[in-house]
Amino acid sequence: MLAGSLLLGLSVMLVAVWLEYHDSILFVRLAKHSSSVDPVGGDASRFTEDRYRRVRRRWRMVIHGLLAICGGLMIGAGFAGLGAFWIAAWTAIAMLMLCIVGLAFCDAVRTHHHHSRILKESRDETRAEAVRQLARRDHE
């Protein structure tokens, strides 16, 4: 049981570290890209995009931290063996995993709303540009 808990705990912790590492690399890459390319919408669009990325990054750090805590609890439960701590640790792991799933769902909803807002702004901007072109063509 100790070997299984160690293997599982270390695997979960390594996944959490790997996710955090790749998420931080992606965050830095996107930040560099957004600072070098001026978005079509201007400052307001850049502000909402930066705010979305910061909030998403913060909540993903929380999720990765909870995963690492789960891994630590798995290792601790393995060392403690059967008993009260083992039961408490695995109960906490189950509750933390439910929290992680809930936070991931909230992140998916937040991302969906963000992309819907971007598409709406893009459609509105395209529509306004088409109206301007029609008005220009009517004046000629």
N, C-alpha and C. Protein backbone atom coordinates (compact mmCIF):
# COMPACT_ATOMS: atom_id res chain seq x y z
N MET A 1 0.83 -1.19 0.00
CA MET A 1 0.00 0.00 0.00
C MET A 1 0.87 1.26 0.00
N LEU A 2 1.99 1.18 0.70
CA LEU A 2 2.89 2.33 0.74
C LEU A 2 3.43 2.64 -0.66
N ALA A 3 3.85 1.61 -1.37
CA ALA A 3 4.41 1.82 -2.71
C ALA A 3 3.36 2.39 -3.66
N GLY A 4 2.15 1.88 -3.59
CA GLY A 4 1.08 2.39 -4.45
C GLY A 4 0.74 3.83 -4.15
N SER A 5 0.67 4.17 -2.86
CA SER A 5 0.38 5.56 -2.48
C SER A 5 1.52 6.49 -2.88
N LEU A 6 2.75 6.02 -2.71
CA LEU A 6 3.90 6.84 -3.13
C LEU A 6 3.88 7.07 -4.63
N LEU A 7 3.65 6.01 -5.38
CA LEU A 7 3.63 6.13 -6.84
C LEU A 7 2.50 7.04 -7.30
N LEU A 8 1.32 6.84 -6.76
CA LEU A 8 0.17 7.66 -7.13
C LEU A 8 0.37 9.11 -6.70
N GLY A 9 0.84 9.31 -5.48
CA GLY A 9 1.06 10.67 -4.97
C GLY A 9 2.11 11.43 -5.76
N LEU A 10 3.22 10.76 -6.04
CA LEU A 10 4.27 11.41 -6.83
C LEU A 10 3.80 11.69 -8.25
N SER A 11 3.01 10.77 -8.81
CA SER A 11 2.47 11.01 -10.16
C SER A 11 1.56 12.23 -10.19
N VAL A 12 0.68 12.34 -9.21
CA VAL A 12 -0.23 13.48 -9.16
C VAL A 12 0.55 14.78 -8.95
N MET A 13 1.55 14.74 -8.08
CA MET A 13 2.37 15.94 -7.85
C MET A 13 3.15 16.32 -9.11
N LEU A 14 3.70 15.34 -9.81
CA LEU A 14 4.43 15.64 -11.04
C LEU A 14 3.50 16.21 -12.11
N VAL A 15 2.27 15.69 -12.20
CA VAL A 15 1.30 16.25 -13.15
C VAL A 15 0.99 17.69 -12.79
N ALA A 16 0.82 17.98 -11.50
CA ALA A 16 0.54 19.35 -11.07
C ALA A 16 1.70 20.29 -11.42
N VAL A 17 2.92 19.84 -11.19
CA VAL A 17 4.10 20.66 -11.52
C VAL A 17 4.20 20.85 -13.03
N TRP A 18 3.96 19.78 -13.79
CA TRP A 18 4.03 19.86 -15.24
C TRP A 18 2.97 20.83 -15.78
N LEU A 19 1.74 20.73 -15.27
CA LEU A 19 0.68 21.64 -15.71
C LEU A 19 1.02 23.09 -15.38
N GLU A 20 1.54 23.33 -14.19
CA GLU A 20 1.90 24.69 -13.79
C GLU A 20 3.03 25.23 -14.66
N TYR A 21 4.02 24.39 -14.94
CA TYR A 21 5.14 24.81 -15.78
C TYR A 21 4.67 25.19 -17.18
N HIS A 22 3.86 24.34 -17.79
CA HIS A 22 3.40 24.62 -19.15
C HIS A 22 2.42 25.78 -19.19
N ASP A 23 1.61 25.93 -18.15
CA ASP A 23 0.69 27.05 -18.09
C ASP A 23 1.45 28.37 -17.93
N SER A 24 2.53 28.36 -17.14
CA SER A 24 3.30 29.60 -16.97
C SER A 24 4.04 29.95 -18.27
N ILE A 25 4.53 28.95 -18.99
CA ILE A 25 5.19 29.22 -20.27
C ILE A 25 4.18 29.81 -21.26
N LEU A 26 2.99 29.24 -21.32
CA LEU A 26 1.94 29.74 -22.21
C LEU A 26 1.54 31.16 -21.83
N PHE A 27 1.42 31.43 -20.52
CA PHE A 27 1.04 32.77 -20.06
C PHE A 27 2.08 33.80 -20.49
N VAL A 28 3.36 33.49 -20.34
CA VAL A 28 4.43 34.41 -20.73
C VAL A 28 4.43 34.61 -22.24
N ARG A 29 4.25 33.53 -22.98
CA ARG A 29 4.23 33.62 -24.44
C ARG A 29 3.06 34.49 -24.93
N LEU A 30 1.89 34.30 -24.35
CA LEU A 30 0.73 35.11 -24.73
C LEU A 30 0.89 36.56 -24.32
N ALA A 31 1.51 36.80 -23.18
CA ALA A 31 1.74 38.18 -22.73
C ALA A 31 2.70 38.89 -23.68
N LYS A 32 3.75 38.21 -24.11
CA LYS A 32 4.68 38.81 -25.07
C LYS A 32 3.99 39.07 -26.40
N HIS A 33 3.18 38.13 -26.85
CA HIS A 33 2.48 38.27 -28.13
C HIS A 33 1.49 39.43 -28.09
N SER A 34 0.74 39.56 -26.99
CA SER A 34 -0.26 40.62 -26.92
C SER A 34 0.39 41.99 -26.79
N SER A 35 1.58 42.07 -26.22
CA SER A 35 2.23 43.37 -26.11
C SER A 35 2.87 43.80 -27.43
N SER A 36 3.22 42.82 -28.28
CA SER A 36 3.85 43.17 -29.55
C SER A 36 2.84 43.42 -30.67
N VAL A 37 1.64 42.85 -30.53
CA VAL A 37 0.61 43.01 -31.56
C VAL A 37 -0.53 43.83 -30.98
N ASP A 38 -0.87 44.93 -31.64
CA ASP A 38 -1.97 45.77 -31.17
C ASP A 38 -3.29 45.17 -31.62
N PRO A 39 -4.18 44.82 -30.68
CA PRO A 39 -5.45 44.24 -31.10
C PRO A 39 -6.30 45.26 -31.84
N VAL A 40 -7.22 44.76 -32.63
CA VAL A 40 -8.07 45.60 -33.46
C VAL A 40 -8.91 46.53 -32.61
N GLY A 41 -9.41 46.05 -31.49
CA GLY A 41 -10.30 46.83 -30.65
C GLY A 41 -9.62 47.94 -29.88
N GLY A 42 -8.30 47.93 -29.76
CA GLY A 42 -7.58 48.97 -29.06
C GLY A 42 -7.38 48.65 -27.59
N ASP A 43 -7.32 49.72 -26.77
CA ASP A 43 -7.00 49.57 -25.36
C ASP A 43 -8.06 48.81 -24.57
N ALA A 44 -9.34 49.06 -24.86
CA ALA A 44 -10.40 48.37 -24.11
C ALA A 44 -10.34 46.86 -24.34
N SER A 45 -10.10 46.47 -25.57
CA SER A 45 -10.01 45.05 -25.88
C SER A 45 -8.78 44.43 -25.22
N ARG A 46 -7.68 45.14 -25.22
CA ARG A 46 -6.45 44.65 -24.59
C ARG A 46 -6.65 44.52 -23.09
N PHE A 47 -7.34 45.50 -22.47
CA PHE A 47 -7.57 45.46 -21.03
C PHE A 47 -8.40 44.24 -20.65
N THR A 48 -9.49 43.99 -21.38
CA THR A 48 -10.32 42.82 -21.04
C THR A 48 -9.57 41.52 -21.28
N GLU A 49 -8.78 41.47 -22.33
CA GLU A 49 -7.99 40.25 -22.60
C GLU A 49 -6.95 40.02 -21.51
N ASP A 50 -6.25 41.07 -21.10
CA ASP A 50 -5.25 40.94 -20.04
C ASP A 50 -5.89 40.54 -18.72
N ARG A 51 -7.03 41.16 -18.42
CA ARG A 51 -7.74 40.83 -17.17
C ARG A 51 -8.18 39.37 -17.19
N TYR A 52 -8.73 38.92 -18.32
CA TYR A 52 -9.16 37.52 -18.44
C TYR A 52 -7.97 36.59 -18.23
N ARG A 53 -6.85 36.89 -18.84
CA ARG A 53 -5.67 36.02 -18.71
C ARG A 53 -5.16 35.98 -17.27
N ARG A 54 -5.15 37.15 -16.59
CA ARG A 54 -4.69 37.18 -15.20
C ARG A 54 -5.61 36.36 -14.30
N VAL A 55 -6.92 36.51 -14.46
CA VAL A 55 -7.87 35.76 -13.64
C VAL A 55 -7.76 34.27 -13.92
N ARG A 56 -7.66 33.93 -15.18
CA ARG A 56 -7.54 32.51 -15.55
C ARG A 56 -6.25 31.92 -15.00
N ARG A 57 -5.18 32.65 -15.10
CA ARG A 57 -3.89 32.19 -14.60
C ARG A 57 -3.95 31.97 -13.08
N ARG A 58 -4.57 32.90 -12.36
CA ARG A 58 -4.66 32.79 -10.90
C ARG A 58 -5.46 31.54 -10.50
N TRP A 59 -6.61 31.32 -11.16
CA TRP A 59 -7.42 30.16 -10.79
C TRP A 59 -6.76 28.86 -11.21
N ARG A 60 -6.01 28.87 -12.29
CA ARG A 60 -5.30 27.65 -12.66
C ARG A 60 -4.19 27.33 -11.67
N MET A 61 -3.55 28.38 -11.13
CA MET A 61 -2.56 28.16 -10.08
C MET A 61 -3.20 27.51 -8.86
N VAL A 62 -4.41 27.93 -8.53
CA VAL A 62 -5.14 27.33 -7.41
C VAL A 62 -5.41 25.86 -7.69
N ILE A 63 -5.86 25.56 -8.89
CA ILE A 63 -6.15 24.16 -9.25
C ILE A 63 -4.88 23.31 -9.18
N HIS A 64 -3.78 23.83 -9.69
CA HIS A 64 -2.52 23.08 -9.66
C HIS A 64 -2.05 22.88 -8.22
N GLY A 65 -2.24 23.90 -7.39
CA GLY A 65 -1.89 23.77 -5.97
C GLY A 65 -2.73 22.72 -5.27
N LEU A 66 -4.03 22.69 -5.57
CA LEU A 66 -4.89 21.67 -4.98
C LEU A 66 -4.49 20.27 -5.43
N LEU A 67 -4.09 20.14 -6.69
CA LEU A 67 -3.60 18.84 -7.17
C LEU A 67 -2.35 18.42 -6.41
N ALA A 68 -1.45 19.36 -6.19
CA ALA A 68 -0.22 19.05 -5.46
C ALA A 68 -0.54 18.65 -4.01
N ILE A 69 -1.52 19.33 -3.40
CA ILE A 69 -1.93 18.97 -2.04
C ILE A 69 -2.50 17.56 -2.02
N CYS A 70 -3.29 17.22 -3.04
CA CYS A 70 -3.83 15.85 -3.13
C CYS A 70 -2.69 14.83 -3.20
N GLY A 71 -1.67 15.13 -4.00
CA GLY A 71 -0.52 14.23 -4.09
C GLY A 71 0.19 14.09 -2.76
N GLY A 72 0.35 15.19 -2.06
CA GLY A 72 0.98 15.14 -0.73
C GLY A 72 0.16 14.33 0.26
N LEU A 73 -1.16 14.50 0.21
CA LEU A 73 -2.03 13.71 1.10
C LEU A 73 -1.97 12.23 0.76
N MET A 74 -1.85 11.90 -0.53
CA MET A 74 -1.73 10.50 -0.92
C MET A 74 -0.45 9.90 -0.36
N ILE A 75 0.63 10.63 -0.45
CA ILE A 75 1.91 10.15 0.09
C ILE A 75 1.82 10.02 1.60
N GLY A 76 1.24 11.03 2.24
CA GLY A 76 1.09 10.98 3.70
C GLY A 76 0.22 9.81 4.15
N ALA A 77 -0.86 9.54 3.42
CA ALA A 77 -1.72 8.42 3.76
C ALA A 77 -0.99 7.10 3.61
N GLY A 78 -0.13 7.02 2.60
CA GLY A 78 0.64 5.79 2.41
C GLY A 78 1.61 5.55 3.55
N PHE A 79 2.27 6.60 4.01
CA PHE A 79 3.20 6.45 5.13
C PHE A 79 2.48 6.17 6.44
N ALA A 80 1.28 6.76 6.62
CA ALA A 80 0.55 6.58 7.87
C ALA A 80 -0.04 5.18 7.99
N GLY A 81 -0.37 4.57 6.86
CA GLY A 81 -0.99 3.26 6.90
C GLY A 81 -2.46 3.37 7.28
N LEU A 82 -3.10 2.21 7.40
CA LEU A 82 -4.52 2.20 7.72
C LEU A 82 -4.76 2.79 9.10
N GLY A 83 -5.79 3.60 9.19
CA GLY A 83 -6.12 4.22 10.47
C GLY A 83 -6.93 5.48 10.24
N ALA A 84 -7.02 6.28 11.27
CA ALA A 84 -7.84 7.50 11.22
C ALA A 84 -7.27 8.51 10.21
N PHE A 85 -5.95 8.67 10.20
CA PHE A 85 -5.36 9.64 9.26
C PHE A 85 -5.57 9.19 7.82
N TRP A 86 -5.45 7.91 7.56
CA TRP A 86 -5.64 7.38 6.21
C TRP A 86 -7.05 7.68 5.71
N ILE A 87 -8.05 7.44 6.56
CA ILE A 87 -9.43 7.72 6.20
C ILE A 87 -9.64 9.21 5.99
N ALA A 88 -9.11 10.02 6.89
CA ALA A 88 -9.26 11.48 6.77
C ALA A 88 -8.56 12.00 5.51
N ALA A 89 -7.38 11.48 5.23
CA ALA A 89 -6.62 11.95 4.06
C ALA A 89 -7.36 11.61 2.77
N TRP A 90 -7.86 10.38 2.64
CA TRP A 90 -8.54 10.00 1.41
C TRP A 90 -9.90 10.69 1.28
N THR A 91 -10.53 11.00 2.40
CA THR A 91 -11.77 11.79 2.35
C THR A 91 -11.46 13.20 1.87
N ALA A 92 -10.39 13.78 2.39
CA ALA A 92 -9.97 15.11 1.96
C ALA A 92 -9.59 15.12 0.48
N ILE A 93 -8.93 14.07 0.03
CA ILE A 93 -8.56 13.96 -1.38
C ILE A 93 -9.81 13.94 -2.26
N ALA A 94 -10.81 13.18 -1.84
CA ALA A 94 -12.06 13.12 -2.62
C ALA A 94 -12.73 14.49 -2.67
N MET A 95 -12.76 15.18 -1.54
CA MET A 95 -13.37 16.52 -1.51
C MET A 95 -12.57 17.53 -2.34
N LEU A 96 -11.26 17.45 -2.26
CA LEU A 96 -10.43 18.34 -3.07
C LEU A 96 -10.59 18.08 -4.56
N MET A 97 -10.72 16.82 -4.92
CA MET A 97 -10.94 16.49 -6.33
C MET A 97 -12.28 17.05 -6.82
N LEU A 98 -13.30 17.00 -5.97
CA LEU A 98 -14.59 17.60 -6.33
C LEU A 98 -14.44 19.12 -6.50
N CYS A 99 -13.67 19.74 -5.63
CA CYS A 99 -13.41 21.18 -5.76
C CYS A 99 -12.66 21.48 -7.06
N ILE A 100 -11.71 20.64 -7.41
CA ILE A 100 -10.94 20.84 -8.64
C ILE A 100 -11.86 20.74 -9.85
N VAL A 101 -12.75 19.75 -9.85
CA VAL A 101 -13.69 19.61 -10.96
C VAL A 101 -14.60 20.83 -11.04
N GLY A 102 -15.07 21.32 -9.90
CA GLY A 102 -15.91 22.51 -9.88
C GLY A 102 -15.18 23.74 -10.39
N LEU A 103 -13.94 23.91 -9.96
CA LEU A 103 -13.14 25.06 -10.43
C LEU A 103 -12.85 24.96 -11.92
N ALA A 104 -12.59 23.75 -12.40
CA ALA A 104 -12.35 23.56 -13.83
C ALA A 104 -13.61 23.88 -14.63
N PHE A 105 -14.78 23.50 -14.10
CA PHE A 105 -16.04 23.83 -14.76
C PHE A 105 -16.23 25.34 -14.81
N CYS A 106 -15.95 26.02 -13.70
CA CYS A 106 -16.07 27.48 -13.67
C CYS A 106 -15.11 28.13 -14.67
N ASP A 107 -13.91 27.57 -14.79
CA ASP A 107 -12.94 28.08 -15.77
C ASP A 107 -13.47 27.89 -17.19
N ALA A 108 -14.10 26.76 -17.46
CA ALA A 108 -14.65 26.52 -18.79
C ALA A 108 -15.79 27.49 -19.09
N VAL A 109 -16.63 27.76 -18.11
CA VAL A 109 -17.73 28.73 -18.31
C VAL A 109 -17.17 30.12 -18.54
N ARG A 110 -16.15 30.50 -17.74
CA ARG A 110 -15.53 31.81 -17.90
C ARG A 110 -14.90 31.95 -19.29
N THR A 111 -14.24 30.92 -19.76
CA THR A 111 -13.63 30.94 -21.08
C THR A 111 -14.69 31.03 -22.16
N HIS A 112 -15.79 30.30 -22.00
CA HIS A 112 -16.88 30.36 -22.98
C HIS A 112 -17.46 31.78 -23.05
N HIS A 113 -17.70 32.39 -21.90
CA HIS A 113 -18.24 33.76 -21.89
C HIS A 113 -17.26 34.75 -22.51
N HIS A 114 -15.99 34.55 -22.23
CA HIS A 114 -14.97 35.46 -22.78
C HIS A 114 -14.94 35.35 -24.31
N HIS A 115 -14.93 34.14 -24.81
CA HIS A 115 -14.89 33.96 -26.26
C HIS A 115 -16.19 34.44 -26.92
N SER A 116 -17.32 34.25 -26.26
CA SER A 116 -18.59 34.76 -26.79
C SER A 116 -18.56 36.28 -26.88
N ARG A 117 -18.01 36.92 -25.86
CA ARG A 117 -17.90 38.38 -25.84
C ARG A 117 -16.97 38.86 -26.97
N ILE A 118 -15.86 38.16 -27.17
CA ILE A 118 -14.94 38.54 -28.24
C ILE A 118 -15.61 38.40 -29.61
N LEU A 119 -16.34 37.28 -29.81
CA LEU A 119 -17.03 37.09 -31.09
C LEU A 119 -18.10 38.16 -31.31
N LYS A 120 -18.82 38.52 -30.27
CA LYS A 120 -19.85 39.56 -30.40
C LYS A 120 -19.21 40.89 -30.76
N GLU A 121 -18.11 41.24 -30.08
CA GLU A 121 -17.42 42.49 -30.41
C GLU A 121 -16.91 42.47 -31.84
N SER A 122 -16.40 41.34 -32.28
CA SER A 122 -15.89 41.22 -33.64
C SER A 122 -17.02 41.37 -34.65
N ARG A 123 -18.14 40.72 -34.39
CA ARG A 123 -19.30 40.86 -35.29
C ARG A 123 -19.80 42.29 -35.34
N ASP A 124 -19.89 42.94 -34.17
CA ASP A 124 -20.35 44.33 -34.12
C ASP A 124 -19.41 45.25 -34.90
N GLU A 125 -18.12 45.00 -34.74
CA GLU A 125 -17.13 45.81 -35.44
C GLU A 125 -17.21 45.59 -36.95
N THR A 126 -17.37 44.34 -37.37
CA THR A 126 -17.50 44.04 -38.79
C THR A 126 -18.76 44.66 -39.37
N ARG A 127 -19.85 44.58 -38.62
CA ARG A 127 -21.10 45.17 -39.06
C ARG A 127 -20.97 46.70 -39.20
N ALA A 128 -20.32 47.34 -38.24
CA ALA A 128 -20.13 48.79 -38.30
C ALA A 128 -19.25 49.18 -39.49
N GLU A 129 -18.23 48.38 -39.76
CA GLU A 129 -17.36 48.65 -40.90
C GLU A 129 -18.13 48.49 -42.21
N ALA A 130 -19.01 47.49 -42.30
CA ALA A 130 -19.82 47.30 -43.50
C ALA A 130 -20.77 48.47 -43.71
N VAL A 131 -21.35 48.97 -42.62
CA VAL A 131 -22.25 50.14 -42.72
C VAL A 131 -21.47 51.36 -43.19
N ARG A 132 -20.26 51.54 -42.67
CA ARG A 132 -19.43 52.68 -43.10
C ARG A 132 -19.09 52.58 -44.58
N GLN A 133 -18.76 51.36 -45.04
CA GLN A 133 -18.44 51.19 -46.45
C GLN A 133 -19.66 51.44 -47.32
N LEU A 134 -20.84 51.01 -46.92
CA LEU A 134 -22.06 51.28 -47.67
C LEU A 134 -22.37 52.76 -47.70
N ALA A 135 -22.17 53.44 -46.59
CA ALA A 135 -22.42 54.88 -46.54
C ALA A 135 -21.44 55.62 -47.46
N ARG A 136 -20.20 55.18 -47.45
CA ARG A 136 -19.19 55.78 -48.32
C ARG A 136 -19.54 55.55 -49.79
N ARG A 137 -20.01 54.35 -50.10
CA ARG A 137 -20.37 54.02 -51.48
C ARG A 137 -21.60 54.84 -51.92
N ASP A 138 -22.54 55.07 -51.01
CA ASP A 138 -23.73 55.88 -51.34
C ASP A 138 -23.36 57.33 -51.60
N HIS A 139 -22.36 57.86 -50.91
CA HIS A 139 -21.94 59.26 -51.11
C HIS A 139 -21.18 59.45 -52.40
N GLU A 140 -20.62 58.39 -52.94
CA GLU A 140 -19.84 58.53 -54.17
C GLU A 140 -20.67 58.53 -55.38
